[in-house]
Amino acid sequence: MNLLRIRIHHLIEQLGDEELQSIWEATHALHCDYYMLNAIQQVKQSQQPWDILTHEEAMRMLMFF
């Protein structure tokens, strides 16, 4: 693991600021996608067929909150 960490640091040091910024943006987007995918999968595992509301039911529920 330490060898990989050293290699990553060496690679980062070789990158320019613009490259580093674009890599960070891509990495952040992937992280957010992964986070959302996990959340969606957790909901799908616990969701029951009767948990789904129609559009009208959802709008009525929103009006009460």
N, C-alpha and C. Protein backbone atom coordinates (compact mmCIF):
# COMPACT_ATOMS: atom_id res chain seq x y z
N MET A 1 0.82 -1.18 0.00
CA MET A 1 0.00 0.00 0.00
C MET A 1 0.87 1.25 0.00
N ASN A 2 1.97 1.24 0.75
CA ASN A 2 2.84 2.41 0.79
C ASN A 2 3.45 2.68 -0.58
N LEU A 3 3.82 1.64 -1.31
CA LEU A 3 4.40 1.82 -2.63
C LEU A 3 3.40 2.50 -3.57
N LEU A 4 2.17 2.09 -3.50
CA LEU A 4 1.13 2.70 -4.32
C LEU A 4 0.94 4.17 -3.93
N ARG A 5 0.95 4.45 -2.66
CA ARG A 5 0.81 5.83 -2.19
C ARG A 5 1.96 6.71 -2.68
N ILE A 6 3.15 6.18 -2.64
CA ILE A 6 4.32 6.93 -3.13
C ILE A 6 4.20 7.18 -4.62
N ARG A 7 3.76 6.20 -5.37
CA ARG A 7 3.59 6.37 -6.82
C ARG A 7 2.52 7.41 -7.14
N ILE A 8 1.44 7.39 -6.39
CA ILE A 8 0.37 8.36 -6.62
C ILE A 8 0.86 9.77 -6.34
N HIS A 9 1.58 9.95 -5.23
CA HIS A 9 2.12 11.27 -4.92
C HIS A 9 3.09 11.75 -6.00
N HIS A 10 3.90 10.84 -6.49
CA HIS A 10 4.84 11.19 -7.55
C HIS A 10 4.10 11.61 -8.82
N LEU A 11 3.03 10.90 -9.15
CA LEU A 11 2.23 11.23 -10.32
C LEU A 11 1.56 12.59 -10.16
N ILE A 12 1.04 12.86 -8.99
CA ILE A 12 0.38 14.14 -8.73
C ILE A 12 1.37 15.29 -8.86
N GLU A 13 2.56 15.10 -8.39
CA GLU A 13 3.58 16.15 -8.48
C GLU A 13 3.94 16.48 -9.92
N GLN A 14 3.77 15.54 -10.83
CA GLN A 14 4.12 15.76 -12.23
C GLN A 14 3.00 16.48 -12.99
N LEU A 15 1.80 16.56 -12.43
CA LEU A 15 0.67 17.16 -13.13
C LEU A 15 0.69 18.68 -12.99
N GLY A 16 0.21 19.34 -14.03
CA GLY A 16 0.04 20.78 -13.97
C GLY A 16 -1.24 21.14 -13.25
N ASP A 17 -1.38 22.42 -12.93
CA ASP A 17 -2.56 22.87 -12.18
C ASP A 17 -3.86 22.61 -12.95
N GLU A 18 -3.87 22.86 -14.24
CA GLU A 18 -5.08 22.64 -15.03
C GLU A 18 -5.44 21.16 -15.11
N GLU A 19 -4.42 20.32 -15.31
CA GLU A 19 -4.67 18.87 -15.35
C GLU A 19 -5.18 18.38 -14.01
N LEU A 20 -4.57 18.88 -12.95
CA LEU A 20 -4.97 18.46 -11.60
C LEU A 20 -6.41 18.88 -11.33
N GLN A 21 -6.79 20.08 -11.76
CA GLN A 21 -8.15 20.57 -11.57
C GLN A 21 -9.15 19.70 -12.34
N SER A 22 -8.84 19.37 -13.58
CA SER A 22 -9.77 18.55 -14.36
C SER A 22 -9.87 17.13 -13.80
N ILE A 23 -8.77 16.59 -13.31
CA ILE A 23 -8.80 15.26 -12.69
C ILE A 23 -9.62 15.30 -11.41
N TRP A 24 -9.46 16.37 -10.64
CA TRP A 24 -10.23 16.50 -9.40
C TRP A 24 -11.73 16.56 -9.70
N GLU A 25 -12.11 17.34 -10.71
CA GLU A 25 -13.52 17.46 -11.07
C GLU A 25 -14.10 16.11 -11.50
N ALA A 26 -13.33 15.36 -12.28
CA ALA A 26 -13.80 14.05 -12.73
C ALA A 26 -13.90 13.08 -11.55
N THR A 27 -12.91 13.12 -10.66
CA THR A 27 -12.91 12.24 -9.49
C THR A 27 -14.07 12.58 -8.56
N HIS A 28 -14.31 13.87 -8.38
CA HIS A 28 -15.42 14.30 -7.51
C HIS A 28 -16.76 13.85 -8.10
N ALA A 29 -16.92 14.00 -9.42
CA ALA A 29 -18.16 13.58 -10.07
C ALA A 29 -18.36 12.07 -9.91
N LEU A 30 -17.31 11.30 -10.08
CA LEU A 30 -17.41 9.84 -9.89
C LEU A 30 -17.76 9.49 -8.45
N HIS A 31 -17.18 10.20 -7.51
CA HIS A 31 -17.48 9.96 -6.10
C HIS A 31 -18.95 10.23 -5.81
N CYS A 32 -19.47 11.35 -6.33
CA CYS A 32 -20.89 11.68 -6.13
C CYS A 32 -21.79 10.65 -6.78
N ASP A 33 -21.44 10.21 -7.99
CA ASP A 33 -22.22 9.18 -8.68
C ASP A 33 -22.25 7.89 -7.87
N TYR A 34 -21.09 7.50 -7.34
CA TYR A 34 -21.00 6.28 -6.54
C TYR A 34 -21.85 6.39 -5.27
N TYR A 35 -21.80 7.56 -4.63
CA TYR A 35 -22.58 7.80 -3.42
C TYR A 35 -24.08 7.69 -3.72
N MET A 36 -24.51 8.31 -4.81
CA MET A 36 -25.92 8.26 -5.18
C MET A 36 -26.35 6.85 -5.58
N LEU A 37 -25.51 6.14 -6.30
CA LEU A 37 -25.82 4.77 -6.70
C LEU A 37 -26.02 3.89 -5.48
N ASN A 38 -25.15 4.04 -4.49
CA ASN A 38 -25.32 3.25 -3.26
C ASN A 38 -26.62 3.61 -2.56
N ALA A 39 -26.95 4.89 -2.50
CA ALA A 39 -28.20 5.31 -1.86
C ALA A 39 -29.40 4.74 -2.60
N ILE A 40 -29.38 4.77 -3.92
CA ILE A 40 -30.48 4.23 -4.72
C ILE A 40 -30.62 2.73 -4.49
N GLN A 41 -29.50 2.02 -4.44
CA GLN A 41 -29.56 0.58 -4.22
C GLN A 41 -30.12 0.25 -2.84
N GLN A 42 -29.76 1.04 -1.82
CA GLN A 42 -30.30 0.81 -0.48
C GLN A 42 -31.80 1.02 -0.44
N VAL A 43 -32.28 2.05 -1.13
CA VAL A 43 -33.71 2.31 -1.17
C VAL A 43 -34.43 1.20 -1.91
N LYS A 44 -33.86 0.74 -3.02
CA LYS A 44 -34.51 -0.33 -3.78
C LYS A 44 -34.65 -1.60 -2.95
N GLN A 45 -33.69 -1.86 -2.07
CA GLN A 45 -33.75 -3.06 -1.25
C GLN A 45 -34.85 -2.98 -0.20
N SER A 46 -35.13 -1.76 0.28
CA SER A 46 -36.13 -1.63 1.33
C SER A 46 -37.49 -1.18 0.80
N GLN A 47 -37.59 -0.83 -0.46
CA GLN A 47 -38.83 -0.31 -1.02
C GLN A 47 -39.81 -1.45 -1.29
N GLN A 48 -41.05 -1.18 -0.98
CA GLN A 48 -42.12 -2.13 -1.22
C GLN A 48 -43.02 -1.58 -2.32
N PRO A 49 -43.74 -2.43 -3.04
CA PRO A 49 -44.60 -1.94 -4.13
C PRO A 49 -45.62 -0.90 -3.68
N TRP A 50 -46.09 -0.97 -2.45
CA TRP A 50 -47.09 -0.03 -1.98
C TRP A 50 -46.47 1.29 -1.50
N ASP A 51 -45.14 1.43 -1.55
CA ASP A 51 -44.47 2.66 -1.15
C ASP A 51 -44.53 3.75 -2.22
N ILE A 52 -44.91 3.42 -3.43
CA ILE A 52 -44.89 4.37 -4.53
C ILE A 52 -46.19 5.17 -4.56
N LEU A 53 -46.06 6.49 -4.69
CA LEU A 53 -47.22 7.37 -4.75
C LEU A 53 -47.46 7.81 -6.19
N THR A 54 -48.71 8.12 -6.48
CA THR A 54 -49.00 8.74 -7.77
C THR A 54 -48.58 10.21 -7.67
N HIS A 55 -48.54 10.89 -8.80
CA HIS A 55 -48.16 12.30 -8.83
C HIS A 55 -49.10 13.13 -7.94
N GLU A 56 -50.38 12.88 -8.03
CA GLU A 56 -51.37 13.61 -7.24
C GLU A 56 -51.18 13.36 -5.75
N GLU A 57 -50.94 12.11 -5.38
CA GLU A 57 -50.74 11.79 -3.98
C GLU A 57 -49.49 12.48 -3.44
N ALA A 58 -48.45 12.48 -4.25
CA ALA A 58 -47.20 13.13 -3.82
C ALA A 58 -47.40 14.64 -3.65
N MET A 59 -48.14 15.26 -4.57
CA MET A 59 -48.41 16.70 -4.46
C MET A 59 -49.23 17.02 -3.22
N ARG A 60 -50.21 16.17 -2.90
CA ARG A 60 -51.01 16.38 -1.69
C ARG A 60 -50.14 16.25 -0.44
N MET A 61 -49.23 15.27 -0.45
CA MET A 61 -48.33 15.09 0.69
C MET A 61 -47.42 16.30 0.87
N LEU A 62 -46.94 16.86 -0.23
CA LEU A 62 -46.07 18.03 -0.15
C LEU A 62 -46.81 19.24 0.39
N MET A 63 -48.08 19.36 0.09
CA MET A 63 -48.86 20.50 0.56
C MET A 63 -49.02 20.48 2.08
N PHE A 64 -49.01 19.28 2.68
CA PHE A 64 -49.18 19.18 4.13
C PHE A 64 -47.89 19.49 4.88
N PHE A 65 -46.76 19.42 4.23
CA PHE A 65 -45.48 19.69 4.89
C PHE A 65 -45.12 21.07 4.67
